């Protein structure tokens, strides 16, 4: 698996989030809209504890493959944890914070990646 490819990395992150029962996982391709990153992965956890566990799982899974975030934010409050992998930025929210910042609306011109097969594969395990 080539985690240097931004889409592959984003999908691997989505799988890790799904494994830990994240809610409303979305992957948005924003490559043509910003120089910040190629993809956003957005998900919710049911509580601040769940948000921290989701972010920890992403870091753990990628670290096992030699990929470390360039920067992390939000572990202090755990309302919104951001993991910056350069070509992919991960946003894990508690539901109220996700609704407030509404990144899906802010980046509505981004192309949503179909996760049906990715998440279905994990559910079958």
PDB file of N, CA and C in Angstrom:
ATOM      1  N   UNK A   1       0.850  -1.183   0.000  1.00  0.00           N
ATOM      2  CA  UNK A   1       0.000   0.000   0.000  1.00  0.00           C
ATOM      3  C   UNK A   1       0.894   1.244   0.000  1.00  0.00           C
ATOM      4  N   UNK A   2       0.610   2.146  -0.908  1.00  0.00           N
ATOM      5  CA  UNK A   2       1.421   3.355  -1.057  1.00  0.00           C
ATOM      6  C   UNK A   2       0.777   4.514  -0.301  1.00  0.00           C
ATOM      7  N   UNK A   3       1.200   4.730   0.930  1.00  0.00           N
ATOM      8  CA  UNK A   3       0.631   5.822   1.724  1.00  0.00           C
ATOM      9  C   UNK A   3       1.193   7.179   1.335  1.00  0.00           C
ATOM     10  N   UNK A   4       2.093   7.201   0.359  1.00  0.00           N
ATOM     11  CA  UNK A   4       2.559   8.477  -0.179  1.00  0.00           C
ATOM     12  C   UNK A   4       1.507   9.074  -1.108  1.00  0.00           C
ATOM     13  N   UNK A   5       0.621   8.232  -1.627  1.00  0.00           N
ATOM     14  CA  UNK A   5      -0.476   8.689  -2.470  1.00  0.00           C
ATOM     15  C   UNK A   5      -1.565   9.267  -1.560  1.00  0.00           C
ATOM     16  N   UNK A   6      -1.921  10.544  -1.752  1.00  0.00           N
ATOM     17  CA  UNK A   6      -2.882  11.187  -0.848  1.00  0.00           C
ATOM     18  C   UNK A   6      -4.233  10.474  -0.745  1.00  0.00           C
ATOM     19  N   UNK A   7      -4.758   9.991  -1.851  1.00  0.00           N
ATOM     20  CA  UNK A   7      -6.063   9.319  -1.792  1.00  0.00           C
ATOM     21  C   UNK A   7      -5.966   8.009  -1.003  1.00  0.00           C
ATOM     22  N   UNK A   8      -4.911   7.252  -1.221  1.00  0.00           N
ATOM     23  CA  UNK A   8      -4.708   6.003  -0.481  1.00  0.00           C
ATOM     24  C   UNK A   8      -4.598   6.296   1.012  1.00  0.00           C
ATOM     25  N   UNK A   9      -3.864   7.343   1.354  1.00  0.00           N
ATOM     26  CA  UNK A   9      -3.723   7.735   2.754  1.00  0.00           C
ATOM     27  C   UNK A   9      -5.073   8.122   3.342  1.00  0.00           C
ATOM     28  N   UNK A  10      -5.847   8.915   2.635  1.00  0.00           N
ATOM     29  CA  UNK A  10      -7.163   9.345   3.117  1.00  0.00           C
ATOM     30  C   UNK A  10      -8.079   8.147   3.350  1.00  0.00           C
ATOM     31  N   UNK A  11      -8.048   7.178   2.437  1.00  0.00           N
ATOM     32  CA  UNK A  11      -8.896   5.997   2.580  1.00  0.00           C
ATOM     33  C   UNK A  11      -8.448   5.124   3.747  1.00  0.00           C
ATOM     34  N   UNK A  12      -7.156   5.033   3.959  1.00  0.00           N
ATOM     35  CA  UNK A  12      -6.635   4.270   5.100  1.00  0.00           C
ATOM     36  C   UNK A  12      -7.074   4.921   6.419  1.00  0.00           C
ATOM     37  N   UNK A  13      -7.080   6.237   6.454  1.00  0.00           N
ATOM     38  CA  UNK A  13      -7.539   6.966   7.631  1.00  0.00           C
ATOM     39  C   UNK A  13      -9.031   6.713   7.858  1.00  0.00           C
ATOM     40  N   UNK A  14      -9.812   6.748   6.791  1.00  0.00           N
ATOM     41  CA  UNK A  14     -11.247   6.475   6.910  1.00  0.00           C
ATOM     42  C   UNK A  14     -11.484   5.075   7.471  1.00  0.00           C
ATOM     43  N   UNK A  15     -10.709   4.101   7.027  1.00  0.00           N
ATOM     44  CA  UNK A  15     -10.838   2.738   7.546  1.00  0.00           C
ATOM     45  C   UNK A  15     -10.528   2.677   9.034  1.00  0.00           C
ATOM     46  N   UNK A  16      -9.462   3.372   9.445  1.00  0.00           N
ATOM     47  CA  UNK A  16      -9.085   3.370  10.862  1.00  0.00           C
ATOM     48  C   UNK A  16     -10.187   4.006  11.715  1.00  0.00           C
ATOM     49  N   UNK A  17     -10.770   5.077  11.220  1.00  0.00           N
ATOM     50  CA  UNK A  17     -11.861   5.735  11.945  1.00  0.00           C
ATOM     51  C   UNK A  17     -13.080   4.829  12.029  1.00  0.00           C
ATOM     52  N   UNK A  18     -13.388   4.156  10.936  1.00  0.00           N
ATOM     53  CA  UNK A  18     -14.534   3.248  10.913  1.00  0.00           C
ATOM     54  C   UNK A  18     -14.334   2.093  11.888  1.00  0.00           C
ATOM     55  N   UNK A  19     -13.115   1.606  11.973  1.00  0.00           N
ATOM     56  CA  UNK A  19     -12.790   0.494  12.881  1.00  0.00           C
ATOM     57  C   UNK A  19     -13.129   0.839  14.328  1.00  0.00           C
ATOM     58  N   UNK A  20     -12.976   2.115  14.680  1.00  0.00           N
ATOM     59  CA  UNK A  20     -13.263   2.572  16.044  1.00  0.00           C
ATOM     60  C   UNK A  20     -14.643   3.203  16.160  1.00  0.00           C
ATOM     61  N   UNK A  21     -15.508   2.919  15.174  1.00  0.00           N
ATOM     62  CA  UNK A  21     -16.920   3.326  15.218  1.00  0.00           C
ATOM     63  C   UNK A  21     -17.137   4.838  15.159  1.00  0.00           C
ATOM     64  N   UNK A  22     -16.364   5.525  14.337  1.00  0.00           N
ATOM     65  CA  UNK A  22     -16.595   6.957  14.101  1.00  0.00           C
ATOM     66  C   UNK A  22     -17.928   7.136  13.386  1.00  0.00           C
ATOM     67  N   UNK A  23     -18.555   8.271  13.606  1.00  0.00           N
ATOM     68  CA  UNK A  23     -19.821   8.595  12.962  1.00  0.00           C
ATOM     69  C   UNK A  23     -19.584   9.533  11.783  1.00  0.00           C
ATOM     70  N   UNK A  24     -20.415   9.400  10.762  1.00  0.00           N
ATOM     71  CA  UNK A  24     -20.468  10.334   9.627  1.00  0.00           C
ATOM     72  C   UNK A  24     -19.093  10.627   9.034  1.00  0.00           C
ATOM     73  N   UNK A  25     -18.392   9.580   8.650  1.00  0.00           N
ATOM     74  CA  UNK A  25     -17.058   9.748   8.052  1.00  0.00           C
ATOM     75  C   UNK A  25     -17.211  10.264   6.626  1.00  0.00           C
ATOM     76  N   UNK A  26     -16.478  11.333   6.327  1.00  0.00           N
ATOM     77  CA  UNK A  26     -16.480  11.883   4.975  1.00  0.00           C
ATOM     78  C   UNK A  26     -15.049  12.163   4.549  1.00  0.00           C
ATOM     79  N   UNK A  27     -14.790  11.923   3.280  1.00  0.00           N
ATOM     80  CA  UNK A  27     -13.507  12.280   2.683  1.00  0.00           C
ATOM     81  C   UNK A  27     -13.814  13.249   1.553  1.00  0.00           C
ATOM     82  N   UNK A  28     -13.217  14.428   1.630  1.00  0.00           N
ATOM     83  CA  UNK A  28     -13.413  15.455   0.610  1.00  0.00           C
ATOM     84  C   UNK A  28     -12.100  15.720  -0.121  1.00  0.00           C
ATOM     85  N   UNK A  29     -12.153  15.646  -1.439  1.00  0.00           N
ATOM     86  CA  UNK A  29     -10.993  16.013  -2.252  1.00  0.00           C
ATOM     87  C   UNK A  29     -11.051  17.524  -2.455  1.00  0.00           C
ATOM     88  N   UNK A  30     -10.047  18.222  -1.913  1.00  0.00           N
ATOM     89  CA  UNK A  30     -10.014  19.688  -1.988  1.00  0.00           C
ATOM     90  C   UNK A  30      -8.777  20.182  -2.729  1.00  0.00           C
ATOM     91  N   UNK A  31      -8.100  19.258  -3.398  1.00  0.00           N
ATOM     92  CA  UNK A  31      -6.851  19.559  -4.099  1.00  0.00           C
ATOM     93  C   UNK A  31      -6.958  20.777  -5.023  1.00  0.00           C
ATOM     94  N   UNK A  32      -8.067  20.884  -5.745  1.00  0.00           N
ATOM     95  CA  UNK A  32      -8.228  21.978  -6.708  1.00  0.00           C
ATOM     96  C   UNK A  32      -8.718  23.272  -6.068  1.00  0.00           C
ATOM     97  N   UNK A  33      -9.020  23.235  -4.758  1.00  0.00           N
ATOM     98  CA  UNK A  33      -9.596  24.401  -4.079  1.00  0.00           C
ATOM     99  C   UNK A  33      -8.620  25.131  -3.164  1.00  0.00           C
ATOM    100  N   UNK A  34      -7.556  24.464  -2.763  1.00  0.00           N
ATOM    101  CA  UNK A  34      -6.635  25.056  -1.794  1.00  0.00           C
ATOM    102  C   UNK A  34      -5.239  24.469  -1.960  1.00  0.00           C
ATOM    103  N   UNK A  35      -4.248  25.219  -1.508  1.00  0.00           N
ATOM    104  CA  UNK A  35      -2.877  24.713  -1.507  1.00  0.00           C
ATOM    105  C   UNK A  35      -2.547  24.041  -0.173  1.00  0.00           C
ATOM    106  N   UNK A  36      -3.499  24.080   0.767  1.00  0.00           N
ATOM    107  CA  UNK A  36      -3.258  23.536   2.103  1.00  0.00           C
ATOM    108  C   UNK A  36      -3.066  22.027   2.109  1.00  0.00           C
ATOM    109  N   UNK A  37      -3.872  21.324   1.335  1.00  0.00           N
ATOM    110  CA  UNK A  37      -3.889  19.870   1.385  1.00  0.00           C
ATOM    111  C   UNK A  37      -4.620  19.327   0.161  1.00  0.00           C
ATOM    112  N   UNK A  38      -4.580  18.020  -0.006  1.00  0.00           N
ATOM    113  CA  UNK A  38      -5.310  17.372  -1.097  1.00  0.00           C
ATOM    114  C   UNK A  38      -6.669  16.837  -0.641  1.00  0.00           C
ATOM    115  N   UNK A  39      -6.729  16.336   0.595  1.00  0.00           N
ATOM    116  CA  UNK A  39      -7.952  15.733   1.116  1.00  0.00           C
ATOM    117  C   UNK A  39      -8.201  16.155   2.557  1.00  0.00           C
ATOM    118  N   UNK A  40      -9.470  16.282   2.893  1.00  0.00           N
ATOM    119  CA  UNK A  40      -9.913  16.385   4.276  1.00  0.00           C
ATOM    120  C   UNK A  40     -10.625  15.083   4.608  1.00  0.00           C
ATOM    121  N   UNK A  41     -10.346  14.536   5.765  1.00  0.00           N
ATOM    122  CA  UNK A  41     -11.129  13.434   6.304  1.00  0.00           C
ATOM    123  C   UNK A  41     -11.827  14.003   7.532  1.00  0.00           C
ATOM    124  N   UNK A  42     -13.150  13.910   7.551  1.00  0.00           N
ATOM    125  CA  UNK A  42     -13.958  14.499   8.614  1.00  0.00           C
ATOM    126  C   UNK A  42     -14.786  13.390   9.255  1.00  0.00           C
ATOM    127  N   UNK A  43     -14.798  13.352  10.592  1.00  0.00           N
ATOM    128  CA  UNK A  43     -15.572  12.335  11.307  1.00  0.00           C
ATOM    129  C   UNK A  43     -15.991  12.878  12.662  1.00  0.00           C
ATOM    130  N   UNK A  44     -16.933  12.193  13.275  1.00  0.00           N
ATOM    131  CA  UNK A  44     -17.408  12.573  14.604  1.00  0.00           C
ATOM    132  C   UNK A  44     -17.271  11.409  15.564  1.00  0.00           C
ATOM    133  N   UNK A  45     -17.058  11.773  16.828  1.00  0.00           N
ATOM    134  CA  UNK A  45     -17.099  10.807  17.925  1.00  0.00           C
ATOM    135  C   UNK A  45     -18.219  11.222  18.857  1.00  0.00           C
ATOM    136  N   UNK A  46     -18.743  10.289  19.606  1.00  0.00           N
ATOM    137  CA  UNK A  46     -19.889  10.569  20.467  1.00  0.00           C
ATOM    138  C   UNK A  46     -19.576  11.367  21.713  1.00  0.00           C
ATOM    139  N   UNK A  47     -18.306  11.471  22.075  1.00  0.00           N
ATOM    140  CA  UNK A  47     -17.884  12.187  23.283  1.00  0.00           C
ATOM    141  C   UNK A  47     -16.436  12.630  23.096  1.00  0.00           C
ATOM    142  N   UNK A  48     -15.948  13.450  24.000  1.00  0.00           N
ATOM    143  CA  UNK A  48     -14.546  13.872  23.903  1.00  0.00           C
ATOM    144  C   UNK A  48     -13.608  12.670  24.062  1.00  0.00           C
ATOM    145  N   UNK A  49     -14.006  11.704  24.876  1.00  0.00           N
ATOM    146  CA  UNK A  49     -13.202  10.488  25.040  1.00  0.00           C
ATOM    147  C   UNK A  49     -13.146   9.708  23.732  1.00  0.00           C
ATOM    148  N   UNK A  50     -14.287   9.611  23.054  1.00  0.00           N
ATOM    149  CA  UNK A  50     -14.341   8.907  21.775  1.00  0.00           C
ATOM    150  C   UNK A  50     -13.522   9.646  20.719  1.00  0.00           C
ATOM    151  N   UNK A  51     -13.606  10.976  20.695  1.00  0.00           N
ATOM    152  CA  UNK A  51     -12.815  11.771  19.749  1.00  0.00           C
ATOM    153  C   UNK A  51     -11.327  11.489  19.945  1.00  0.00           C
ATOM    154  N   UNK A  52     -10.871  11.485  21.199  1.00  0.00           N
ATOM    155  CA  UNK A  52      -9.459  11.209  21.472  1.00  0.00           C
ATOM    156  C   UNK A  52      -9.081   9.802  21.029  1.00  0.00           C
ATOM    157  N   UNK A  53      -9.960   8.825  21.283  1.00  0.00           N
ATOM    158  CA  UNK A  53      -9.685   7.446  20.879  1.00  0.00           C
ATOM    159  C   UNK A  53      -9.607   7.317  19.355  1.00  0.00           C
ATOM    160  N   UNK A  54     -10.474   8.025  18.644  1.00  0.00           N
ATOM    161  CA  UNK A  54     -10.446   8.005  17.179  1.00  0.00           C
ATOM    162  C   UNK A  54      -9.141   8.584  16.649  1.00  0.00           C
ATOM    163  N   UNK A  55      -8.759   9.734  17.167  1.00  0.00           N
ATOM    164  CA  UNK A  55      -7.511  10.369  16.723  1.00  0.00           C
ATOM    165  C   UNK A  55      -6.308   9.487  17.070  1.00  0.00           C
ATOM    166  N   UNK A  56      -6.333   8.905  18.263  1.00  0.00           N
ATOM    167  CA  UNK A  56      -5.244   8.007  18.667  1.00  0.00           C
ATOM    168  C   UNK A  56      -5.142   6.804  17.732  1.00  0.00           C
ATOM    169  N   UNK A  57      -6.288   6.267  17.318  1.00  0.00           N
ATOM    170  CA  UNK A  57      -6.293   5.107  16.417  1.00  0.00           C
ATOM    171  C   UNK A  57      -5.680   5.462  15.060  1.00  0.00           C
ATOM    172  N   UNK A  58      -6.033   6.629  14.539  1.00  0.00           N
ATOM    173  CA  UNK A  58      -5.449   7.066  13.261  1.00  0.00           C
ATOM    174  C   UNK A  58      -3.932   7.178  13.407  1.00  0.00           C
ATOM    175  N   UNK A  59      -3.488   7.828  14.463  1.00  0.00           N
ATOM    176  CA  UNK A  59      -2.046   7.974  14.668  1.00  0.00           C
ATOM    177  C   UNK A  59      -1.371   6.617  14.812  1.00  0.00           C
ATOM    178  N   UNK A  60      -1.982   5.715  15.563  1.00  0.00           N
ATOM    179  CA  UNK A  60      -1.400   4.392  15.786  1.00  0.00           C
ATOM    180  C   UNK A  60      -1.284   3.599  14.478  1.00  0.00           C
ATOM    181  N   UNK A  61      -2.384   3.529  13.725  1.00  0.00           N
ATOM    182  CA  UNK A  61      -2.407   2.760  12.477  1.00  0.00           C
ATOM    183  C   UNK A  61      -1.364   3.295  11.492  1.00  0.00           C
ATOM    184  N   UNK A  62      -1.297   4.599  11.359  1.00  0.00           N
ATOM    185  CA  UNK A  62      -0.338   5.176  10.405  1.00  0.00           C
ATOM    186  C   UNK A  62       1.096   5.070  10.910  1.00  0.00           C
ATOM    187  N   UNK A  63       1.279   5.219  12.229  1.00  0.00           N
ATOM    188  CA  UNK A  63       2.622   5.083  12.803  1.00  0.00           C
ATOM    189  C   UNK A  63       3.179   3.680  12.553  1.00  0.00           C
ATOM    190  N   UNK A  64       2.309   2.666  12.589  1.00  0.00           N
ATOM    191  CA  UNK A  64       2.732   1.291  12.320  1.00  0.00           C
ATOM    192  C   UNK A  64       3.272   1.140  10.892  1.00  0.00           C
ATOM    193  N   UNK A  65       2.889   2.074  10.041  1.00  0.00           N
ATOM    194  CA  UNK A  65       3.337   2.045   8.646  1.00  0.00           C
ATOM    195  C   UNK A  65       4.369   3.140   8.369  1.00  0.00           C
ATOM    196  N   UNK A  66       4.892   3.724   9.439  1.00  0.00           N
ATOM    197  CA  UNK A  66       5.960   4.703   9.308  1.00  0.00           C
ATOM    198  C   UNK A  66       5.519   6.107   8.931  1.00  0.00           C
ATOM    199  N   UNK A  67       4.228   6.409   9.098  1.00  0.00           N
ATOM    200  CA  UNK A  67       3.708   7.731   8.744  1.00  0.00           C
ATOM    201  C   UNK A  67       3.314   8.458  10.023  1.00  0.00           C
ATOM    202  N   UNK A  68       3.901   9.630  10.217  1.00  0.00           N
ATOM    203  CA  UNK A  68       3.621  10.432  11.405  1.00  0.00           C
ATOM    204  C   UNK A  68       3.020  11.774  11.001  1.00  0.00           C
ATOM    205  N   UNK A  69       2.132  12.324  11.841  1.00  0.00           N
ATOM    206  CA  UNK A  69       1.568  13.643  11.507  1.00  0.00           C
ATOM    207  C   UNK A  69       2.636  14.723  11.643  1.00  0.00           C
ATOM    208  N   UNK A  70       2.503  15.749  10.801  1.00  0.00           N
ATOM    209  CA  UNK A  70       3.402  16.891  10.906  1.00  0.00           C
ATOM    210  C   UNK A  70       3.002  17.774  12.082  1.00  0.00           C
ATOM    211  N   UNK A  71       1.719  17.759  12.402  1.00  0.00           N
ATOM    212  CA  UNK A  71       1.221  18.616  13.469  1.00  0.00           C
ATOM    213  C   UNK A  71      -0.101  18.048  13.979  1.00  0.00           C
ATOM    214  N   UNK A  72      -0.353  18.232  15.263  1.00  0.00           N
ATOM    215  CA  UNK A  72      -1.650  17.864  15.834  1.00  0.00           C
ATOM    216  C   UNK A  72      -2.168  19.047  16.650  1.00  0.00           C
ATOM    217  N   UNK A  73      -3.467  19.159  16.723  1.00  0.00           N
ATOM    218  CA  UNK A  73      -4.136  20.225  17.487  1.00  0.00           C
ATOM    219  C   UNK A  73      -5.358  19.644  18.168  1.00  0.00           C
ATOM    220  N   UNK A  74      -5.710  20.193  19.310  1.00  0.00           N
ATOM    221  CA  UNK A  74      -7.003  19.909  19.909  1.00  0.00           C
ATOM    222  C   UNK A  74      -7.043  18.810  20.944  1.00  0.00           C
ATOM    223  N   UNK A  75      -5.921  18.175  21.228  1.00  0.00           N
ATOM    224  CA  UNK A  75      -5.946  17.109  22.235  1.00  0.00           C
ATOM    225  C   UNK A  75      -6.242  17.655  23.635  1.00  0.00           C
ATOM    226  N   UNK A  76      -6.055  18.969  23.828  1.00  0.00           N
ATOM    227  CA  UNK A  76      -6.322  19.540  25.154  1.00  0.00           C
ATOM    228  C   UNK A  76      -7.817  19.536  25.480  1.00  0.00           C
ATOM    229  N   UNK A  77      -8.671  19.925  24.541  1.00  0.00           N
ATOM    230  CA  UNK A  77     -10.115  19.952  24.808  1.00  0.00           C
ATOM    231  C   UNK A  77     -10.842  18.745  24.226  1.00  0.00           C
ATOM    232  N   UNK A  78     -10.304  18.178  23.171  1.00  0.00           N
ATOM    233  CA  UNK A  78     -10.874  17.013  22.480  1.00  0.00           C
ATOM    234  C   UNK A  78     -12.250  17.271  21.869  1.00  0.00           C
ATOM    235  N   UNK A  79     -12.605  18.538  21.662  1.00  0.00           N
ATOM    236  CA  UNK A  79     -13.837  18.870  20.953  1.00  0.00           C
ATOM    237  C   UNK A  79     -13.621  18.800  19.443  1.00  0.00           C
ATOM    238  N   UNK A  80     -12.394  19.099  19.024  1.00  0.00           N
ATOM    239  CA  UNK A  80     -12.013  19.056  17.615  1.00  0.00           C
ATOM    240  C   UNK A  80     -10.525  18.728  17.578  1.00  0.00           C
ATOM    241  N   UNK A  81     -10.198  17.518  17.201  1.00  0.00           N
ATOM    242  CA  UNK A  81      -8.798  17.125  17.081  1.00  0.00           C
ATOM    243  C   UNK A  81      -8.442  17.140  15.602  1.00  0.00           C
ATOM    244  N   UNK A  82      -7.352  17.806  15.285  1.00  0.00           N
ATOM    245  CA  UNK A  82      -6.867  17.932  13.918  1.00  0.00           C
ATOM    246  C   UNK A  82      -5.524  17.216  13.819  1.00  0.00           C
ATOM    247  N   UNK A  83      -5.399  16.357  12.826  1.00  0.00           N
ATOM    248  CA  UNK A  83      -4.141  15.670  12.537  1.00  0.00           C
ATOM    249  C   UNK A  83      -3.716  16.071  11.135  1.00  0.00           C
ATOM    250  N   UNK A  84      -2.560  16.682  11.023  1.00  0.00           N
ATOM    251  CA  UNK A  84      -2.070  17.186   9.741  1.00  0.00           C
ATOM    252  C   UNK A  84      -1.020  16.237   9.179  1.00  0.00           C
ATOM    253  N   UNK A  85      -1.401  15.530   8.121  1.00  0.00           N
ATOM    254  CA  UNK A  85      -0.476  14.641   7.419  1.00  0.00           C
ATOM    255  C   UNK A  85      -0.038  15.256   6.088  1.00  0.00           C
ATOM    256  N   UNK A  86      -0.078  16.573   6.002  1.00  0.00           N
ATOM    257  CA  UNK A  86       0.299  17.356   4.833  1.00  0.00           C
ATOM    258  C   UNK A  86      -0.680  17.180   3.680  1.00  0.00           C
ATOM    259  N   UNK A  87      -0.654  16.047   3.006  1.00  0.00           N
ATOM    260  CA  UNK A  87      -1.557  15.847   1.875  1.00  0.00           C
ATOM    261  C   UNK A  87      -2.973  15.471   2.314  1.00  0.00           C
ATOM    262  N   UNK A  88      -3.117  15.110   3.595  1.00  0.00           N
ATOM    263  CA  UNK A  88      -4.421  14.783   4.174  1.00  0.00           C
ATOM    264  C   UNK A  88      -4.503  15.426   5.552  1.00  0.00           C
ATOM    265  N   UNK A  89      -5.586  16.141   5.783  1.00  0.00           N
ATOM    266  CA  UNK A  89      -5.832  16.721   7.114  1.00  0.00           C
ATOM    267  C   UNK A  89      -7.076  16.050   7.677  1.00  0.00           C
ATOM    268  N   UNK A  90      -6.935  15.520   8.881  1.00  0.00           N
ATOM    269  CA  UNK A  90      -8.004  14.784   9.550  1.00  0.00           C
ATOM    270  C   UNK A  90      -8.641  15.695  10.590  1.00  0.00           C
ATOM    271  N   UNK A  91      -9.971  15.758  10.568  1.00  0.00           N
ATOM    272  CA  UNK A  91     -10.743  16.528  11.544  1.00  0.00           C
ATOM    273  C   UNK A  91     -11.669  15.567  12.267  1.00  0.00           C
ATOM    274  N   UNK A  92     -11.512  15.436  13.588  1.00  0.00           N
ATOM    275  CA  UNK A  92     -12.398  14.580  14.373  1.00  0.00           C
ATOM    276  C   UNK A  92     -13.088  15.474  15.406  1.00  0.00           C
ATOM    277  N   UNK A  93     -14.409  15.495  15.355  1.00  0.00           N
ATOM    278  CA  UNK A  93     -15.216  16.415  16.155  1.00  0.00           C
ATOM    279  C   UNK A  93     -16.147  15.694  17.112  1.00  0.00           C
ATOM    280  N   UNK A  94     -16.563  16.398  18.174  1.00  0.00           N
ATOM    281  CA  UNK A  94     -17.795  16.028  18.851  1.00  0.00           C
ATOM    282  C   UNK A  94     -18.906  16.649  18.004  1.00  0.00           C
ATOM    283  N   UNK A  95     -20.119  16.070  18.007  1.00  0.00           N
ATOM    284  CA  UNK A  95     -21.161  16.517  17.074  1.00  0.00           C
ATOM    285  C   UNK A  95     -21.488  18.019  17.117  1.00  0.00           C
ATOM    286  N   UNK A  96     -21.609  18.619  18.281  1.00  0.00           N
ATOM    287  CA  UNK A  96     -21.949  20.039  18.346  1.00  0.00           C
ATOM    288  C   UNK A  96     -20.894  20.928  17.714  1.00  0.00           C
ATOM    289  N   UNK A  97     -19.646  20.585  17.907  1.00  0.00           N
ATOM    290  CA  UNK A  97     -18.548  21.357  17.320  1.00  0.00           C
ATOM    291  C   UNK A  97     -18.521  21.167  15.804  1.00  0.00           C
ATOM    292  N   UNK A  98     -18.786  19.958  15.359  1.00  0.00           N
ATOM    293  CA  UNK A  98     -18.836  19.710  13.913  1.00  0.00           C
ATOM    294  C   UNK A  98     -19.954  20.524  13.273  1.00  0.00           C
ATOM    295  N   UNK A  99     -21.110  20.545  13.911  1.00  0.00           N
ATOM    296  CA  UNK A  99     -22.232  21.333  13.382  1.00  0.00           C
ATOM    297  C   UNK A  99     -21.893  22.818  13.358  1.00  0.00           C
ATOM    298  N   UNK A 100     -21.229  23.309  14.403  1.00  0.00           N
ATOM    299  CA  UNK A 100     -20.904  24.729  14.500  1.00  0.00           C
ATOM    300  C   UNK A 100     -19.954  25.164  13.383  1.00  0.00           C
ATOM    301  N   UNK A 101     -18.882  24.408  13.164  1.00  0.00           N
ATOM    302  CA  UNK A 101     -17.888  24.795  12.156  1.00  0.00           C
ATOM    303  C   UNK A 101     -18.295  24.381  10.741  1.00  0.00           C
ATOM    304  N   UNK A 102     -19.098  23.354  10.611  1.00  0.00           N
ATOM    305  CA  UNK A 102     -19.715  22.954   9.344  1.00  0.00           C
ATOM    306  C   UNK A 102     -18.732  22.953   8.166  1.00  0.00           C
ATOM    307  N   UNK A 103     -17.645  22.210   8.317  1.00  0.00           N
ATOM    308  CA  UNK A 103     -16.621  22.162   7.268  1.00  0.00           C
ATOM    309  C   UNK A 103     -17.164  21.630   5.946  1.00  0.00           C
ATOM    310  N   UNK A 104     -18.123  20.705   6.021  1.00  0.00           N
ATOM    311  CA  UNK A 104     -18.685  20.171   4.780  1.00  0.00           C
ATOM    312  C   UNK A 104     -19.349  21.276   3.957  1.00  0.00           C
ATOM    313  N   UNK A 105     -19.988  22.215   4.619  1.00  0.00           N
ATOM    314  CA  UNK A 105     -20.609  23.334   3.908  1.00  0.00           C
ATOM    315  C   UNK A 105     -19.542  24.320   3.431  1.00  0.00           C
ATOM    316  N   UNK A 106     -18.572  24.596   4.302  1.00  0.00           N
ATOM    317  CA  UNK A 106     -17.497  25.524   3.959  1.00  0.00           C
ATOM    318  C   UNK A 106     -16.713  25.039   2.734  1.00  0.00           C
ATOM    319  N   UNK A 107     -16.525  23.736   2.630  1.00  0.00           N
ATOM    320  CA  UNK A 107     -15.771  23.137   1.528  1.00  0.00           C
ATOM    321  C   UNK A 107     -16.710  22.369   0.594  1.00  0.00           C
ATOM    322  N   UNK A 108     -17.918  22.866   0.413  1.00  0.00           N
ATOM    323  CA  UNK A 108     -18.941  22.192  -0.397  1.00  0.00           C
ATOM    324  C   UNK A 108     -18.517  22.001  -1.851  1.00  0.00           C
ATOM    325  N   UNK A 109     -17.585  22.808  -2.331  1.00  0.00           N
ATOM    326  CA  UNK A 109     -17.106  22.648  -3.705  1.00  0.00           C
ATOM    327  C   UNK A 109     -16.120  21.490  -3.839  1.00  0.00           C
ATOM    328  N   UNK A 110     -15.720  20.914  -2.707  1.00  0.00           N
ATOM    329  CA  UNK A 110     -14.844  19.749  -2.748  1.00  0.00           C
ATOM    330  C   UNK A 110     -15.601  18.535  -3.251  1.00  0.00           C
ATOM    331  N   UNK A 111     -14.861  17.600  -3.787  1.00  0.00           N
ATOM    332  CA  UNK A 111     -15.461  16.377  -4.330  1.00  0.00           C
ATOM    333  C   UNK A 111     -15.501  15.311  -3.236  1.00  0.00           C
ATOM    334  N   UNK A 112     -16.705  14.871  -2.879  1.00  0.00           N
ATOM    335  CA  UNK A 112     -16.830  13.837  -1.853  1.00  0.00           C
ATOM    336  C   UNK A 112     -16.449  12.483  -2.442  1.00  0.00           C
ATOM    337  N   UNK A 113     -15.563  11.794  -1.742  1.00  0.00           N
ATOM    338  CA  UNK A 113     -15.100  10.476  -2.178  1.00  0.00           C
ATOM    339  C   UNK A 113     -16.100   9.435  -1.677  1.00  0.00           C
ATOM    340  N   UNK A 114     -16.502   8.538  -2.561  1.00  0.00           N
ATOM    341  CA  UNK A 114     -17.442   7.477  -2.204  1.00  0.00           C
ATOM    342  C   UNK A 114     -16.731   6.463  -1.306  1.00  0.00           C
ATOM    343  N   UNK A 115     -17.251   6.297  -0.099  1.00  0.00           N
ATOM    344  CA  UNK A 115     -16.651   5.375   0.866  1.00  0.00           C
ATOM    345  C   UNK A 115     -17.454   4.091   1.024  1.00  0.00           C
ATOM    346  N   UNK A 116     -18.462   3.902   0.207  1.00  0.00           N
ATOM    347  CA  UNK A 116     -19.358   2.757   0.360  1.00  0.00           C
ATOM    348  C   UNK A 116     -18.593   1.439   0.436  1.00  0.00           C
ATOM    349  N   UNK A 117     -17.713   1.201  -0.512  1.00  0.00           N
ATOM    350  CA  UNK A 117     -16.980  -0.063  -0.528  1.00  0.00           C
ATOM    351  C   UNK A 117     -15.944  -0.132   0.584  1.00  0.00           C
ATOM    352  N   UNK A 118     -15.303   0.971   0.880  1.00  0.00           N
ATOM    353  CA  UNK A 118     -14.269   1.010   1.918  1.00  0.00           C
ATOM    354  C   UNK A 118     -14.876   0.670   3.273  1.00  0.00           C
ATOM    355  N   UNK A 119     -15.954   1.343   3.637  1.00  0.00           N
ATOM    356  CA  UNK A 119     -16.576   1.130   4.940  1.00  0.00           C
ATOM    357  C   UNK A 119     -17.301  -0.209   4.986  1.00  0.00           C
ATOM    358  N   UNK A 120     -17.865  -0.641   3.879  1.00  0.00           N
ATOM    359  CA  UNK A 120     -18.549  -1.942   3.828  1.00  0.00           C
ATOM    360  C   UNK A 120     -17.547  -3.074   4.033  1.00  0.00           C
ATOM    361  N   UNK A 121     -16.343  -2.925   3.481  1.00  0.00           N
ATOM    362  CA  UNK A 121     -15.310  -3.950   3.656  1.00  0.00           C
ATOM    363  C   UNK A 121     -14.955  -4.104   5.120  1.00  0.00           C
ATOM    364  N   UNK A 122     -14.808  -2.999   5.832  1.00  0.00           N
ATOM    365  CA  UNK A 122     -14.487  -3.044   7.248  1.00  0.00           C
ATOM    366  C   UNK A 122     -15.612  -3.678   8.052  1.00  0.00           C
ATOM    367  N   UNK A 123     -16.864  -3.364   7.714  1.00  0.00           N
ATOM    368  CA  UNK A 123     -18.000  -3.895   8.452  1.00  0.00           C
ATOM    369  C   UNK A 123     -18.101  -5.403   8.300  1.00  0.00           C
ATOM    370  N   UNK A 124     -17.607  -5.939   7.196  1.00  0.00           N
ATOM    371  CA  UNK A 124     -17.690  -7.371   6.956  1.00  0.00           C
ATOM    372  C   UNK A 124     -16.655  -8.153   7.771  1.00  0.00           C
ATOM    373  N   UNK A 125     -15.653  -7.467   8.303  1.00  0.00           N
ATOM    374  CA  UNK A 125     -14.596  -8.149   9.054  1.00  0.00           C
ATOM    375  C   UNK A 125     -15.039  -8.620  10.405  1.00  0.00           C
TER     376      UNK A 125
END
